[in-house]
Amino acid sequence: MILAKNRKIALESSFSDQYPQSEASEDSLTNSVPSYISKLSVNHQVQKIYGNPSTGSPLNSIFAPLKLTRFYGSPISN
């Protein structure tokens, strides 16, 4: 029988002590937003609030509705 009185257990971290290089990038919020983007955003918000569709009222169709027919003929009844 072997006694382990004088032995030590060392636990190592599973995480690395080395970190990747990081670079700071320019903040995109400091750039000015083109005016047409701001206008589109305001228009969208107003339409969402008041439910006003931007497409207007639907037009009546100039075509007659299609008549559905079977391309394989009449079904056979048992």
C-alpha atoms as a PDB file:
ATOM      1  CA  MET A   1       0.000   0.000   0.000  1.00  0.00           C
ATOM      2  CA  ILE A   2       1.397   3.375  -1.049  1.00  0.00           C
ATOM      3  CA  LEU A   3       0.472   6.499   0.913  1.00  0.00           C
ATOM      4  CA  ALA A   4       0.255   9.825  -0.896  1.00  0.00           C
ATOM      5  CA  LYS A   5       0.817  12.227   1.982  1.00  0.00           C
ATOM      6  CA  ASN A   6       3.432  14.416   0.290  1.00  0.00           C
ATOM      7  CA  ARG A   7       1.896  14.600  -3.173  1.00  0.00           C
ATOM      8  CA  LYS A   8       0.237  17.707  -4.600  1.00  0.00           C
ATOM      9  CA  ILE A   9      -2.322  18.058  -7.342  1.00  0.00           C
ATOM     10  CA  ALA A  10      -1.990  21.141  -9.578  1.00  0.00           C
ATOM     11  CA  LEU A  11      -5.012  22.132 -11.625  1.00  0.00           C
ATOM     12  CA  GLU A  12      -4.403  24.051 -14.838  1.00  0.00           C
ATOM     13  CA  SER A  13      -6.931  26.407 -16.340  1.00  0.00           C
ATOM     14  CA  SER A  14      -8.537  25.280 -19.573  1.00  0.00           C
ATOM     15  CA  PHE A  15      -8.585  28.905 -20.755  1.00  0.00           C
ATOM     16  CA  SER A  16      -5.734  30.500 -22.628  1.00  0.00           C
ATOM     17  CA  ASP A  17      -3.711  33.332 -21.137  1.00  0.00           C
ATOM     18  CA  GLN A  18      -2.991  34.663 -24.631  1.00  0.00           C
ATOM     19  CA  TYR A  19      -5.566  36.910 -26.305  1.00  0.00           C
ATOM     20  CA  PRO A  20      -5.892  37.760 -30.020  1.00  0.00           C
ATOM     21  CA  GLN A  21      -5.001  41.231 -31.203  1.00  0.00           C
ATOM     22  CA  SER A  22      -8.018  43.496 -31.539  1.00  0.00           C
ATOM     23  CA  GLU A  23      -8.343  46.624 -33.574  1.00  0.00           C
ATOM     24  CA  ALA A  24     -10.682  49.531 -32.984  1.00  0.00           C
ATOM     25  CA  SER A  25     -12.884  50.437 -35.912  1.00  0.00           C
ATOM     26  CA  GLU A  26     -14.541  53.726 -36.717  1.00  0.00           C
ATOM     27  CA  ASP A  27     -17.933  54.223 -35.107  1.00  0.00           C
ATOM     28  CA  SER A  28     -20.579  54.083 -37.826  1.00  0.00           C
ATOM     29  CA  LEU A  29     -22.953  56.264 -35.813  1.00  0.00           C
ATOM     30  CA  THR A  30     -20.726  59.293 -36.242  1.00  0.00           C
ATOM     31  CA  ASN A  31     -21.229  59.229 -40.010  1.00  0.00           C
ATOM     32  CA  SER A  32     -24.168  61.273 -41.232  1.00  0.00           C
ATOM     33  CA  VAL A  33     -27.227  59.412 -42.497  1.00  0.00           C
ATOM     34  CA  PRO A  34     -28.287  60.393 -46.038  1.00  0.00           C
ATOM     35  CA  SER A  35     -31.459  62.508 -46.032  1.00  0.00           C
ATOM     36  CA  TYR A  36     -33.436  60.022 -48.131  1.00  0.00           C
ATOM     37  CA  ILE A  37     -32.832  57.301 -45.535  1.00  0.00           C
ATOM     38  CA  SER A  38     -34.180  59.548 -42.773  1.00  0.00           C
ATOM     39  CA  LYS A  39     -37.210  60.437 -44.897  1.00  0.00           C
ATOM     40  CA  LEU A  40     -37.929  56.764 -45.677  1.00  0.00           C
ATOM     41  CA  SER A  41     -37.650  55.923 -41.998  1.00  0.00           C
ATOM     42  CA  VAL A  42     -40.125  58.648 -40.988  1.00  0.00           C
ATOM     43  CA  ASN A  43     -42.547  57.594 -43.758  1.00  0.00           C
ATOM     44  CA  HIS A  44     -42.377  53.969 -42.638  1.00  0.00           C
ATOM     45  CA  GLN A  45     -43.050  54.881 -39.010  1.00  0.00           C
ATOM     46  CA  VAL A  46     -46.062  57.048 -39.937  1.00  0.00           C
ATOM     47  CA  GLN A  47     -47.497  54.271 -42.122  1.00  0.00           C
ATOM     48  CA  LYS A  48     -47.054  51.730 -39.305  1.00  0.00           C
ATOM     49  CA  ILE A  49     -48.803  54.029 -36.802  1.00  0.00           C
ATOM     50  CA  TYR A  50     -51.743  55.090 -38.964  1.00  0.00           C
ATOM     51  CA  GLY A  51     -52.046  51.986 -41.168  1.00  0.00           C
ATOM     52  CA  ASN A  52     -51.990  53.998 -44.369  1.00  0.00           C
ATOM     53  CA  PRO A  53     -50.747  51.763 -47.212  1.00  0.00           C
ATOM     54  CA  SER A  54     -48.253  53.409 -49.527  1.00  0.00           C
ATOM     55  CA  THR A  55     -49.559  51.554 -52.583  1.00  0.00           C
ATOM     56  CA  GLY A  56     -52.970  53.220 -52.625  1.00  0.00           C
ATOM     57  CA  SER A  57     -56.221  51.472 -53.439  1.00  0.00           C
ATOM     58  CA  PRO A  58     -56.038  48.275 -55.515  1.00  0.00           C
ATOM     59  CA  LEU A  59     -56.984  48.495 -59.187  1.00  0.00           C
ATOM     60  CA  ASN A  60     -59.750  46.390 -60.701  1.00  0.00           C
ATOM     61  CA  SER A  61     -58.465  43.608 -62.909  1.00  0.00           C
ATOM     62  CA  ILE A  62     -59.059  43.935 -66.642  1.00  0.00           C
ATOM     63  CA  PHE A  63     -58.816  40.166 -67.045  1.00  0.00           C
ATOM     64  CA  ALA A  64     -61.621  37.695 -66.402  1.00  0.00           C
ATOM     65  CA  PRO A  65     -60.926  35.141 -63.661  1.00  0.00           C
ATOM     66  CA  LEU A  66     -59.402  31.911 -64.915  1.00  0.00           C
ATOM     67  CA  LYS A  67     -61.667  28.870 -65.224  1.00  0.00           C
ATOM     68  CA  LEU A  68     -60.022  25.873 -63.609  1.00  0.00           C
ATOM     69  CA  THR A  69     -59.969  22.734 -65.759  1.00  0.00           C
ATOM     70  CA  ARG A  70     -58.333  19.347 -65.316  1.00  0.00           C
ATOM     71  CA  PHE A  71     -55.566  18.710 -67.799  1.00  0.00           C
ATOM     72  CA  TYR A  72     -56.092  14.951 -67.535  1.00  0.00           C
ATOM     73  CA  GLY A  73     -59.840  14.883 -68.229  1.00  0.00           C
ATOM     74  CA  SER A  74     -62.737  13.833 -66.019  1.00  0.00           C
ATOM     75  CA  PRO A  75     -62.095  11.625 -63.001  1.00  0.00           C
ATOM     76  CA  ILE A  76     -63.268   8.002 -63.250  1.00  0.00           C
ATOM     77  CA  SER A  77     -65.987   7.180 -60.739  1.00  0.00           C
ATOM     78  CA  ASN A  78     -66.242   3.674 -59.261  1.00  0.00           C
END
